[in-house]
Amino acid sequence: MRPGMPGPKGPRQNRNDLRNPKTMGRKNLPIPSDMPRNRGEGETPAPTADRIEGRNPVLEAMRAGRTFNKLFVAQRQENARPDPTMARVINMAKDLHIPIVEVPKASLDDMSQTHNHQGVIAQVASHEYVEIDEILDRAAEKGEAPLLLILDELKDAYNLGSILRIADAAGVHGVIIPQHRSIGLDSMVAKASAGAIEYVPVARVTNLSRTILELKDKGFWIAGTDAEGTNEYYDDVWFGPMAIVIGSEGEGMSKNIKEKCDYLLSIPMAGSVNSLNAAVAAGIVVFEAVKQRRKDT
């Protein structure tokens, strides 16, 4: 804990002067390319292409303005009943001039990473990460003290996707992940996020430790989640610009990151298995933070 920082039960200090919302602008989001529609046979998605799989994630990606290279859909079987959701996917792709390629279902099975493509795989441009300042701009535009999630070397696509869903539902302004030793924004994460990947900005940094120090210089409190934390997650600590650190599966936060936290929060448990999935722990802590911060508005 840094010198001069109040304890969780002590007097509050106002550190919500990070940005002036009235002076901040927001960068325009990219608009999808105006690509001609094309149907063909004999094509399969390139193995190295970034992909989004599943009907709802593809629909959300189109609504959010992602840039598509091609949309691969399973050839319709004779006498098959019309599928309304698939029809919406294809019609929206036509409206956006996205090239549509019909391929045998077996081809999609071979290329699928999630094994649950639901008859559609989108080949998209690599997902764009954002700069941390862009995330702060978003919070300033809303007139809110920034609330961030920092993920310390998460390696499971399901966990990252679930955390993005939690962040979207709770109104977290953005997520920060390290460039190395961490899962990135790939097709499996997109599938697990059920479309939330399109709405939660994610910054990828080369040095997580240095990023935390830079956030502190900008007025952030850093709260780490740790089973041995001396404060409990429902303590009165959620005020001002805040970043919550979630550790990796099994190992938790690294020693270097833990030492840079202002305080460590634990989740009291009474069961026989005293451990939680990273995404579950994130959900518990994030929604408590949101509840307390709303009381102060």
C-alpha atoms as a PDB file:
ATOM      1  CA  MET A   1       0.000   0.000   0.000  1.00  0.00           C
ATOM      2  CA  ARG A   2       1.452   3.391  -1.003  1.00  0.00           C
ATOM      3  CA  PRO A   3       2.237   5.921   1.765  1.00  0.00           C
ATOM      4  CA  GLY A   4      -0.690   8.198   2.477  1.00  0.00           C
ATOM      5  CA  MET A   5      -3.307   5.868   0.987  1.00  0.00           C
ATOM      6  CA  PRO A   6      -6.359   5.422   3.225  1.00  0.00           C
ATOM      7  CA  GLY A   7      -7.247   1.976   4.479  1.00  0.00           C
ATOM      8  CA  PRO A   8     -10.444   0.423   3.244  1.00  0.00           C
ATOM      9  CA  LYS A   9     -12.363   1.687   6.279  1.00  0.00           C
ATOM     10  CA  GLY A  10     -10.633   5.078   6.434  1.00  0.00           C
ATOM     11  CA  PRO A  11     -11.637   8.487   5.017  1.00  0.00           C
ATOM     12  CA  ARG A  12     -12.102   8.692   1.303  1.00  0.00           C
ATOM     13  CA  GLN A  13      -9.939  10.794  -0.932  1.00  0.00           C
ATOM     14  CA  ASN A  14     -11.175  12.174  -4.246  1.00  0.00           C
ATOM     15  CA  ARG A  15      -8.946  10.933  -7.025  1.00  0.00           C
ATOM     16  CA  ASN A  16     -11.568  11.288  -9.730  1.00  0.00           C
ATOM     17  CA  ASP A  17      -9.723  14.113 -11.468  1.00  0.00           C
ATOM     18  CA  LEU A  18      -8.006  11.831 -13.970  1.00  0.00           C
ATOM     19  CA  ARG A  19      -9.619  13.396 -17.004  1.00  0.00           C
ATOM     20  CA  ASN A  20     -11.952  16.292 -17.746  1.00  0.00           C
ATOM     21  CA  PRO A  21     -14.902  14.705 -19.578  1.00  0.00           C
ATOM     22  CA  LYS A  22     -15.766  17.995 -21.269  1.00  0.00           C
ATOM     23  CA  THR A  23     -12.402  18.214 -23.012  1.00  0.00           C
ATOM     24  CA  MET A  24     -12.073  14.651 -24.186  1.00  0.00           C
ATOM     25  CA  GLY A  25     -12.964  13.433 -27.662  1.00  0.00           C
ATOM     26  CA  ARG A  26     -13.646   9.967 -28.959  1.00  0.00           C
ATOM     27  CA  LYS A  27     -12.044   8.442 -32.012  1.00  0.00           C
ATOM     28  CA  ASN A  28     -14.288   7.224 -34.762  1.00  0.00           C
ATOM     29  CA  LEU A  29     -14.827   3.495 -34.987  1.00  0.00           C
ATOM     30  CA  PRO A  30     -13.762   1.749 -38.217  1.00  0.00           C
ATOM     31  CA  ILE A  31     -16.411   1.238 -40.876  1.00  0.00           C
ATOM     32  CA  PRO A  32     -16.517  -2.155 -42.608  1.00  0.00           C
ATOM     33  CA  SER A  33     -15.104  -2.280 -46.144  1.00  0.00           C
ATOM     34  CA  ASP A  34     -17.580  -2.135 -49.024  1.00  0.00           C
ATOM     35  CA  MET A  35     -16.818  -5.561 -50.460  1.00  0.00           C
ATOM     36  CA  PRO A  36     -18.716  -7.103 -53.379  1.00  0.00           C
ATOM     37  CA  ARG A  37     -20.834 -10.173 -52.734  1.00  0.00           C
ATOM     38  CA  ASN A  38     -19.423 -13.389 -54.131  1.00  0.00           C
ATOM     39  CA  ARG A  39     -20.533 -16.989 -54.018  1.00  0.00           C
ATOM     40  CA  GLY A  40     -18.239 -19.785 -54.938  1.00  0.00           C
ATOM     41  CA  GLU A  41     -17.455 -23.426 -54.338  1.00  0.00           C
ATOM     42  CA  GLY A  42     -14.281 -25.259 -53.468  1.00  0.00           C
ATOM     43  CA  GLU A  43     -12.973 -22.605 -51.073  1.00  0.00           C
ATOM     44  CA  THR A  44     -12.217 -23.212 -47.419  1.00  0.00           C
ATOM     45  CA  PRO A  45     -11.105 -20.770 -44.731  1.00  0.00           C
ATOM     46  CA  ALA A  46      -7.345 -20.278 -44.563  1.00  0.00           C
ATOM     47  CA  PRO A  47      -5.996 -22.167 -41.530  1.00  0.00           C
ATOM     48  CA  THR A  48      -4.113 -19.130 -40.226  1.00  0.00           C
ATOM     49  CA  ALA A  49      -6.940 -16.618 -40.655  1.00  0.00           C
ATOM     50  CA  ASP A  50      -8.585 -15.117 -37.640  1.00  0.00           C
ATOM     51  CA  ARG A  51     -12.129 -16.402 -37.464  1.00  0.00           C
ATOM     52  CA  ILE A  52     -15.413 -15.872 -35.657  1.00  0.00           C
ATOM     53  CA  GLU A  53     -17.584 -18.962 -35.324  1.00  0.00           C
ATOM     54  CA  GLY A  54     -21.264 -19.316 -34.530  1.00  0.00           C
ATOM     55  CA  ARG A  55     -24.357 -17.464 -35.654  1.00  0.00           C
ATOM     56  CA  ASN A  56     -24.835 -15.002 -32.793  1.00  0.00           C
ATOM     57  CA  PRO A  57     -21.144 -14.008 -32.528  1.00  0.00           C
ATOM     58  CA  VAL A  58     -21.065 -13.427 -36.312  1.00  0.00           C
ATOM     59  CA  LEU A  59     -24.236 -11.327 -36.153  1.00  0.00           C
ATOM     60  CA  GLU A  60     -22.821  -9.221 -33.308  1.00  0.00           C
ATOM     61  CA  ALA A  61     -19.570  -8.727 -35.199  1.00  0.00           C
ATOM     62  CA  MET A  62     -21.451  -7.445 -38.255  1.00  0.00           C
ATOM     63  CA  ARG A  63     -23.570  -5.125 -36.101  1.00  0.00           C
ATOM     64  CA  ALA A  64     -20.448  -3.769 -34.419  1.00  0.00           C
ATOM     65  CA  GLY A  65     -18.756  -2.936 -37.713  1.00  0.00           C
ATOM     66  CA  ARG A  66     -15.983  -5.539 -37.858  1.00  0.00           C
ATOM     67  CA  THR A  67     -14.192  -5.843 -41.179  1.00  0.00           C
ATOM     68  CA  PHE A  68     -14.985  -9.176 -42.842  1.00  0.00           C
ATOM     69  CA  ASN A  69     -12.918 -10.813 -45.560  1.00  0.00           C
ATOM     70  CA  LYS A  70     -15.381 -13.633 -46.318  1.00  0.00           C
ATOM     71  CA  LEU A  71     -18.281 -15.439 -44.755  1.00  0.00           C
ATOM     72  CA  PHE A  72     -18.248 -19.234 -45.130  1.00  0.00           C
ATOM     73  CA  VAL A  73     -21.631 -20.905 -44.698  1.00  0.00           C
ATOM     74  CA  ALA A  74     -22.614 -24.547 -44.864  1.00  0.00           C
ATOM     75  CA  GLN A  75     -24.360 -25.609 -48.062  1.00  0.00           C
ATOM     76  CA  ARG A  76     -28.041 -26.091 -47.432  1.00  0.00           C
ATOM     77  CA  GLN A  77     -29.185 -29.670 -47.598  1.00  0.00           C
ATOM     78  CA  GLU A  78     -32.054 -30.623 -49.873  1.00  0.00           C
ATOM     79  CA  ASN A  79     -35.448 -30.657 -48.138  1.00  0.00           C
ATOM     80  CA  ALA A  80     -33.935 -28.944 -45.073  1.00  0.00           C
ATOM     81  CA  ARG A  81     -36.212 -26.583 -43.182  1.00  0.00           C
ATOM     82  CA  PRO A  82     -35.426 -22.862 -43.474  1.00  0.00           C
ATOM     83  CA  ASP A  83     -33.401 -21.562 -40.543  1.00  0.00           C
ATOM     84  CA  PRO A  84     -34.448 -17.999 -39.549  1.00  0.00           C
ATOM     85  CA  THR A  85     -31.200 -17.201 -37.709  1.00  0.00           C
ATOM     86  CA  MET A  86     -29.035 -18.368 -40.591  1.00  0.00           C
ATOM     87  CA  ALA A  87     -31.220 -16.351 -42.956  1.00  0.00           C
ATOM     88  CA  ARG A  88     -30.538 -13.229 -40.855  1.00  0.00           C
ATOM     89  CA  VAL A  89     -26.799 -13.900 -40.993  1.00  0.00           C
ATOM     90  CA  ILE A  90     -26.814 -14.267 -44.783  1.00  0.00           C
ATOM     91  CA  ASN A  91     -29.137 -11.303 -45.416  1.00  0.00           C
ATOM     92  CA  MET A  92     -27.064  -8.989 -43.212  1.00  0.00           C
ATOM     93  CA  ALA A  93     -23.904 -10.146 -44.975  1.00  0.00           C
ATOM     94  CA  LYS A  94     -25.517  -9.336 -48.333  1.00  0.00           C
ATOM     95  CA  ASP A  95     -26.521  -5.879 -47.105  1.00  0.00           C
ATOM     96  CA  LEU A  96     -22.924  -5.240 -46.001  1.00  0.00           C
ATOM     97  CA  HIS A  97     -21.550  -6.571 -49.317  1.00  0.00           C
ATOM     98  CA  ILE A  98     -19.581  -9.284 -47.539  1.00  0.00           C
ATOM     99  CA  PRO A  99     -18.453 -12.075 -49.913  1.00  0.00           C
ATOM    100  CA  ILE A 100     -20.397 -15.259 -49.112  1.00  0.00           C
ATOM    101  CA  VAL A 101     -18.923 -18.664 -49.914  1.00  0.00           C
ATOM    102  CA  GLU A 102     -20.980 -21.827 -49.570  1.00  0.00           C
ATOM    103  CA  VAL A 103     -18.921 -24.899 -48.619  1.00  0.00           C
ATOM    104  CA  PRO A 104     -19.745 -28.440 -47.477  1.00  0.00           C
ATOM    105  CA  LYS A 105     -20.377 -28.735 -43.748  1.00  0.00           C
ATOM    106  CA  ALA A 106     -17.407 -31.115 -43.530  1.00  0.00           C
ATOM    107  CA  SER A 107     -15.123 -28.271 -44.592  1.00  0.00           C
ATOM    108  CA  LEU A 108     -16.368 -26.113 -41.734  1.00  0.00           C
ATOM    109  CA  ASP A 109     -15.940 -29.036 -39.336  1.00  0.00           C
ATOM    110  CA  ASP A 110     -12.304 -29.393 -40.410  1.00  0.00           C
ATOM    111  CA  MET A 111     -11.537 -25.713 -39.922  1.00  0.00           C
ATOM    112  CA  SER A 112     -13.505 -25.117 -36.722  1.00  0.00           C
ATOM    113  CA  GLN A 113     -11.554 -24.403 -33.551  1.00  0.00           C
ATOM    114  CA  THR A 114     -14.572 -24.268 -31.272  1.00  0.00           C
ATOM    115  CA  HIS A 115     -16.252 -27.383 -32.744  1.00  0.00           C
ATOM    116  CA  ASN A 116     -19.523 -25.478 -32.540  1.00  0.00           C
ATOM    117  CA  HIS A 117     -19.577 -23.347 -35.689  1.00  0.00           C
ATOM    118  CA  GLN A 118     -23.351 -23.750 -36.247  1.00  0.00           C
ATOM    119  CA  GLY A 119     -22.857 -23.687 -39.983  1.00  0.00           C
ATOM    120  CA  VAL A 120     -21.049 -20.363 -40.267  1.00  0.00           C
ATOM    121  CA  ILE A 121     -17.415 -19.216 -39.960  1.00  0.00           C
ATOM    122  CA  ALA A 122     -16.403 -15.621 -40.632  1.00  0.00           C
ATOM    123  CA  GLN A 123     -12.926 -14.798 -41.859  1.00  0.00           C
ATOM    124  CA  VAL A 124     -12.186 -11.386 -40.397  1.00  0.00           C
ATOM    125  CA  ALA A 125      -9.340  -8.957 -40.125  1.00  0.00           C
ATOM    126  CA  SER A 126      -7.296  -9.360 -36.957  1.00  0.00           C
ATOM    127  CA  HIS A 127      -9.146  -7.911 -33.996  1.00  0.00           C
ATOM    128  CA  GLU A 128      -7.962  -4.415 -33.253  1.00  0.00           C
ATOM    129  CA  TYR A 129      -6.600  -3.679 -29.809  1.00  0.00           C
ATOM    130  CA  VAL A 130      -6.873  -0.171 -28.441  1.00  0.00           C
ATOM    131  CA  GLU A 131      -4.573   2.145 -26.549  1.00  0.00           C
ATOM    132  CA  ILE A 132      -5.207   2.656 -22.838  1.00  0.00           C
ATOM    133  CA  ASP A 133      -5.803   6.357 -23.467  1.00  0.00           C
ATOM    134  CA  GLU A 134      -8.707   5.420 -25.735  1.00  0.00           C
ATOM    135  CA  ILE A 135     -10.276   3.503 -22.849  1.00  0.00           C
ATOM    136  CA  LEU A 136      -9.822   6.511 -20.561  1.00  0.00           C
ATOM    137  CA  ASP A 137     -11.393   8.717 -23.212  1.00  0.00           C
ATOM    138  CA  ARG A 138     -14.470   6.485 -23.182  1.00  0.00           C
ATOM    139  CA  ALA A 139     -14.811   6.831 -19.410  1.00  0.00           C
ATOM    140  CA  ALA A 140     -14.269  10.598 -19.603  1.00  0.00           C
ATOM    141  CA  GLU A 141     -16.918  10.907 -22.300  1.00  0.00           C
ATOM    142  CA  LYS A 142     -19.394   9.284 -19.921  1.00  0.00           C
ATOM    143  CA  GLY A 143     -18.285  11.472 -17.036  1.00  0.00           C
ATOM    144  CA  GLU A 144     -17.333   8.387 -15.011  1.00  0.00           C
ATOM    145  CA  ALA A 145     -14.316   7.455 -12.925  1.00  0.00           C
ATOM    146  CA  PRO A 146     -12.526   4.746 -14.952  1.00  0.00           C
ATOM    147  CA  LEU A 147     -12.983   1.112 -13.911  1.00  0.00           C
ATOM    148  CA  LEU A 148     -10.550  -1.284 -15.595  1.00  0.00           C
ATOM    149  CA  LEU A 149      -9.764  -4.985 -15.441  1.00  0.00           C
ATOM    150  CA  ILE A 150      -6.136  -6.119 -15.642  1.00  0.00           C
ATOM    151  CA  LEU A 151      -5.646  -9.805 -16.468  1.00  0.00           C
ATOM    152  CA  ASP A 152      -2.317 -11.240 -15.345  1.00  0.00           C
ATOM    153  CA  GLU A 153      -1.355 -13.989 -17.815  1.00  0.00           C
ATOM    154  CA  LEU A 154      -4.754 -15.593 -18.350  1.00  0.00           C
ATOM    155  CA  LYS A 155      -4.320 -18.525 -20.718  1.00  0.00           C
ATOM    156  CA  ASP A 156      -7.793 -20.005 -21.118  1.00  0.00           C
ATOM    157  CA  ALA A 157      -9.966 -18.725 -23.965  1.00  0.00           C
ATOM    158  CA  TYR A 158     -13.173 -19.515 -22.092  1.00  0.00           C
ATOM    159  CA  ASN A 159     -12.079 -17.483 -19.075  1.00  0.00           C
ATOM    160  CA  LEU A 160     -11.150 -14.453 -21.173  1.00  0.00           C
ATOM    161  CA  GLY A 161     -14.364 -14.674 -23.170  1.00  0.00           C
ATOM    162  CA  SER A 162     -16.413 -14.951 -19.982  1.00  0.00           C
ATOM    163  CA  ILE A 163     -14.613 -11.995 -18.417  1.00  0.00           C
ATOM    164  CA  LEU A 164     -15.405  -9.896 -21.494  1.00  0.00           C
ATOM    165  CA  ARG A 165     -19.078 -10.792 -21.048  1.00  0.00           C
ATOM    166  CA  ILE A 166     -18.868  -9.767 -17.391  1.00  0.00           C
ATOM    167  CA  ALA A 167     -17.105  -6.513 -18.276  1.00  0.00           C
ATOM    168  CA  ASP A 168     -19.754  -5.665 -20.859  1.00  0.00           C
ATOM    169  CA  ALA A 169     -22.634  -6.451 -18.497  1.00  0.00           C
ATOM    170  CA  ALA A 170     -21.136  -4.485 -15.598  1.00  0.00           C
ATOM    171  CA  GLY A 171     -20.071  -1.444 -17.589  1.00  0.00           C
ATOM    172  CA  VAL A 172     -16.333  -1.885 -17.114  1.00  0.00           C
ATOM    173  CA  HIS A 173     -14.605   0.663 -19.326  1.00  0.00           C
ATOM    174  CA  GLY A 174     -11.880  -1.634 -20.627  1.00  0.00           C
ATOM    175  CA  VAL A 175      -9.630  -4.655 -20.166  1.00  0.00           C
ATOM    176  CA  ILE A 176      -5.824  -4.797 -20.204  1.00  0.00           C
ATOM    177  CA  ILE A 177      -3.886  -7.952 -21.086  1.00  0.00           C
ATOM    178  CA  PRO A 178      -0.152  -8.584 -21.515  1.00  0.00           C
ATOM    179  CA  GLN A 179       1.261  -9.275 -24.942  1.00  0.00           C
ATOM    180  CA  HIS A 180       3.226 -12.324 -23.817  1.00  0.00           C
ATOM    181  CA  ARG A 181       2.216 -15.422 -21.828  1.00  0.00           C
ATOM    182  CA  SER A 182      -1.469 -14.632 -22.255  1.00  0.00           C
ATOM    183  CA  ILE A 183      -4.379 -15.671 -24.425  1.00  0.00           C
ATOM    184  CA  GLY A 184      -5.205 -13.085 -27.080  1.00  0.00           C
ATOM    185  CA  LEU A 185      -8.388 -12.114 -28.885  1.00  0.00           C
ATOM    186  CA  ASP A 186      -8.848 -15.140 -31.128  1.00  0.00           C
ATOM    187  CA  SER A 187     -11.879 -16.945 -32.498  1.00  0.00           C
ATOM    188  CA  MET A 188     -12.297 -19.127 -29.411  1.00  0.00           C
ATOM    189  CA  VAL A 189     -12.372 -16.060 -27.174  1.00  0.00           C
ATOM    190  CA  ALA A 190     -14.888 -14.439 -29.516  1.00  0.00           C
ATOM    191  CA  LYS A 191     -17.111 -17.508 -29.288  1.00  0.00           C
ATOM    192  CA  ALA A 192     -16.889 -17.663 -25.487  1.00  0.00           C
ATOM    193  CA  SER A 193     -17.679 -13.958 -25.207  1.00  0.00           C
ATOM    194  CA  ALA A 194     -20.997 -14.407 -27.080  1.00  0.00           C
ATOM    195  CA  GLY A 195     -20.432 -11.111 -28.893  1.00  0.00           C
ATOM    196  CA  ALA A 196     -19.125  -9.066 -25.944  1.00  0.00           C
ATOM    197  CA  ILE A 197     -15.698  -8.929 -27.594  1.00  0.00           C
ATOM    198  CA  GLU A 198     -17.168  -6.372 -29.992  1.00  0.00           C
ATOM    199  CA  TYR A 199     -18.129  -3.934 -27.232  1.00  0.00           C
ATOM    200  CA  VAL A 200     -15.403  -4.129 -24.590  1.00  0.00           C
ATOM    201  CA  PRO A 201     -12.160  -2.362 -25.591  1.00  0.00           C
ATOM    202  CA  VAL A 202      -9.050  -4.417 -24.893  1.00  0.00           C
ATOM    203  CA  ALA A 203      -5.550  -2.966 -24.635  1.00  0.00           C
ATOM    204  CA  ARG A 204      -2.542  -5.259 -25.022  1.00  0.00           C
ATOM    205  CA  VAL A 205       0.665  -4.055 -23.402  1.00  0.00           C
ATOM    206  CA  THR A 206       4.238  -5.283 -23.548  1.00  0.00           C
ATOM    207  CA  ASN A 207       4.972  -4.749 -19.851  1.00  0.00           C
ATOM    208  CA  LEU A 208       2.105  -5.169 -17.394  1.00  0.00           C
ATOM    209  CA  SER A 209       4.179  -4.093 -14.408  1.00  0.00           C
ATOM    210  CA  ARG A 210       5.167  -0.811 -16.032  1.00  0.00           C
ATOM    211  CA  THR A 211       1.571  -0.227 -17.139  1.00  0.00           C
ATOM    212  CA  ILE A 212       0.381  -0.519 -13.533  1.00  0.00           C
ATOM    213  CA  LEU A 213       2.929   2.075 -12.427  1.00  0.00           C
ATOM    214  CA  GLU A 214       1.796   4.406 -15.211  1.00  0.00           C
ATOM    215  CA  LEU A 215      -1.814   3.999 -14.118  1.00  0.00           C
ATOM    216  CA  LYS A 216      -0.823   4.868 -10.549  1.00  0.00           C
ATOM    217  CA  ASP A 217       0.841   8.038 -11.839  1.00  0.00           C
ATOM    218  CA  LYS A 218      -2.497   8.907 -13.465  1.00  0.00           C
ATOM    219  CA  GLY A 219      -4.329   8.561 -10.169  1.00  0.00           C
ATOM    220  CA  PHE A 220      -5.510   4.948 -10.205  1.00  0.00           C
ATOM    221  CA  TRP A 221      -5.870   2.653  -7.208  1.00  0.00           C
ATOM    222  CA  ILE A 222      -4.818  -0.917  -8.009  1.00  0.00           C
ATOM    223  CA  ALA A 223      -6.759  -3.713  -6.284  1.00  0.00           C
ATOM    224  CA  GLY A 224      -5.473  -7.250  -6.652  1.00  0.00           C
ATOM    225  CA  THR A 225      -7.525 -10.380  -6.025  1.00  0.00           C
ATOM    226  CA  ASP A 226      -5.711 -12.879  -3.866  1.00  0.00           C
ATOM    227  CA  ALA A 227      -6.785 -15.678  -1.521  1.00  0.00           C
ATOM    228  CA  GLU A 228      -4.442 -14.295   1.151  1.00  0.00           C
ATOM    229  CA  GLY A 229      -5.656 -10.708   0.805  1.00  0.00           C
ATOM    230  CA  THR A 230      -6.066  -8.802   4.078  1.00  0.00           C
ATOM    231  CA  ASN A 231      -9.175  -6.967   2.844  1.00  0.00           C
ATOM    232  CA  GLU A 232     -12.394  -8.601   1.739  1.00  0.00           C
ATOM    233  CA  TYR A 233     -13.920  -7.790  -1.622  1.00  0.00           C
ATOM    234  CA  TYR A 234     -16.984  -6.124  -0.098  1.00  0.00           C
ATOM    235  CA  ASP A 235     -14.927  -3.683   1.993  1.00  0.00           C
ATOM    236  CA  ASP A 236     -15.437   0.016   1.319  1.00  0.00           C
ATOM    237  CA  VAL A 237     -12.573   0.440  -1.160  1.00  0.00           C
ATOM    238  CA  TRP A 238     -14.207   1.016  -4.535  1.00  0.00           C
ATOM    239  CA  PHE A 239     -13.853   4.728  -5.238  1.00  0.00           C
ATOM    240  CA  GLY A 240     -12.143   6.891  -7.824  1.00  0.00           C
ATOM    241  CA  PRO A 241     -10.164   5.607 -10.820  1.00  0.00           C
ATOM    242  CA  MET A 242      -9.732   1.888 -10.155  1.00  0.00           C
ATOM    243  CA  ALA A 243      -8.085  -1.117 -11.789  1.00  0.00           C
ATOM    244  CA  ILE A 244      -8.841  -4.669 -10.624  1.00  0.00           C
ATOM    245  CA  VAL A 245      -6.174  -7.305 -11.199  1.00  0.00           C
ATOM    246  CA  ILE A 246      -7.281 -10.903 -11.860  1.00  0.00           C
ATOM    247  CA  GLY A 247      -4.554 -13.534 -11.652  1.00  0.00           C
ATOM    248  CA  SER A 248      -3.948 -16.466 -13.947  1.00  0.00           C
ATOM    249  CA  GLU A 249      -5.658 -19.833 -13.631  1.00  0.00           C
ATOM    250  CA  GLY A 250      -4.113 -21.922 -10.870  1.00  0.00           C
ATOM    251  CA  GLU A 251      -1.174 -19.627 -10.100  1.00  0.00           C
ATOM    252  CA  GLY A 252      -2.950 -16.355  -9.406  1.00  0.00           C
ATOM    253  CA  MET A 253      -1.083 -13.075  -9.663  1.00  0.00           C
ATOM    254  CA  SER A 254       2.647 -13.108 -10.201  1.00  0.00           C
ATOM    255  CA  LYS A 255       4.787 -11.857  -7.314  1.00  0.00           C
ATOM    256  CA  ASN A 256       5.901  -8.780  -9.238  1.00  0.00           C
ATOM    257  CA  ILE A 257       2.333  -7.709 -10.004  1.00  0.00           C
ATOM    258  CA  LYS A 258       1.105  -8.500  -6.500  1.00  0.00           C
ATOM    259  CA  GLU A 259       3.738  -6.208  -4.977  1.00  0.00           C
ATOM    260  CA  LYS A 260       2.503  -3.292  -7.073  1.00  0.00           C
ATOM    261  CA  CYS A 261      -1.101  -3.535  -5.883  1.00  0.00           C
ATOM    262  CA  ASP A 262      -2.315  -0.928  -3.374  1.00  0.00           C
ATOM    263  CA  TYR A 263      -4.281  -3.614  -1.553  1.00  0.00           C
ATOM    264  CA  LEU A 264      -5.232  -7.257  -1.974  1.00  0.00           C
ATOM    265  CA  LEU A 265      -8.831  -8.448  -1.785  1.00  0.00           C
ATOM    266  CA  SER A 266     -10.008 -11.925  -0.878  1.00  0.00           C
ATOM    267  CA  ILE A 267     -13.358 -13.654  -1.390  1.00  0.00           C
ATOM    268  CA  PRO A 268     -14.410 -15.476   1.801  1.00  0.00           C
ATOM    269  CA  MET A 269     -15.381 -19.087   1.094  1.00  0.00           C
ATOM    270  CA  ALA A 270     -16.904 -21.761   3.302  1.00  0.00           C
ATOM    271  CA  GLY A 271     -16.807 -24.757   0.989  1.00  0.00           C
ATOM    272  CA  SER A 272     -14.462 -27.705   0.836  1.00  0.00           C
ATOM    273  CA  VAL A 273     -12.957 -26.564  -2.487  1.00  0.00           C
ATOM    274  CA  ASN A 274     -11.597 -23.133  -1.668  1.00  0.00           C
ATOM    275  CA  SER A 275     -10.812 -21.926  -5.155  1.00  0.00           C
ATOM    276  CA  LEU A 276     -12.760 -20.166  -7.879  1.00  0.00           C
ATOM    277  CA  ASN A 277     -12.546 -20.027 -11.643  1.00  0.00           C
ATOM    278  CA  ALA A 278     -10.864 -16.766 -12.728  1.00  0.00           C
ATOM    279  CA  ALA A 279     -13.979 -15.573 -14.540  1.00  0.00           C
ATOM    280  CA  VAL A 280     -16.240 -16.380 -11.578  1.00  0.00           C
ATOM    281  CA  ALA A 281     -13.952 -14.481  -9.205  1.00  0.00           C
ATOM    282  CA  ALA A 282     -13.886 -11.548 -11.619  1.00  0.00           C
ATOM    283  CA  GLY A 283     -17.683 -11.477 -11.739  1.00  0.00           C
ATOM    284  CA  ILE A 284     -18.056 -11.448  -7.959  1.00  0.00           C
ATOM    285  CA  VAL A 285     -15.552  -8.638  -7.451  1.00  0.00           C
ATOM    286  CA  VAL A 286     -16.577  -6.505 -10.431  1.00  0.00           C
ATOM    287  CA  PHE A 287     -20.258  -6.404  -9.585  1.00  0.00           C
ATOM    288  CA  GLU A 288     -19.487  -5.543  -5.952  1.00  0.00           C
ATOM    289  CA  ALA A 289     -17.327  -2.682  -7.200  1.00  0.00           C
ATOM    290  CA  VAL A 290     -20.106  -1.462  -9.487  1.00  0.00           C
ATOM    291  CA  LYS A 291     -22.660  -1.646  -6.652  1.00  0.00           C
ATOM    292  CA  GLN A 292     -20.529   0.430  -4.306  1.00  0.00           C
ATOM    293  CA  ARG A 293     -19.583   2.987  -6.960  1.00  0.00           C
ATOM    294  CA  ARG A 294     -23.227   3.552  -7.865  1.00  0.00           C
ATOM    295  CA  LYS A 295     -23.999   4.432  -4.256  1.00  0.00           C
ATOM    296  CA  ASP A 296     -21.529   7.308  -4.494  1.00  0.00           C
ATOM    297  CA  THR A 297     -23.019   8.836  -7.644  1.00  0.00           C
END
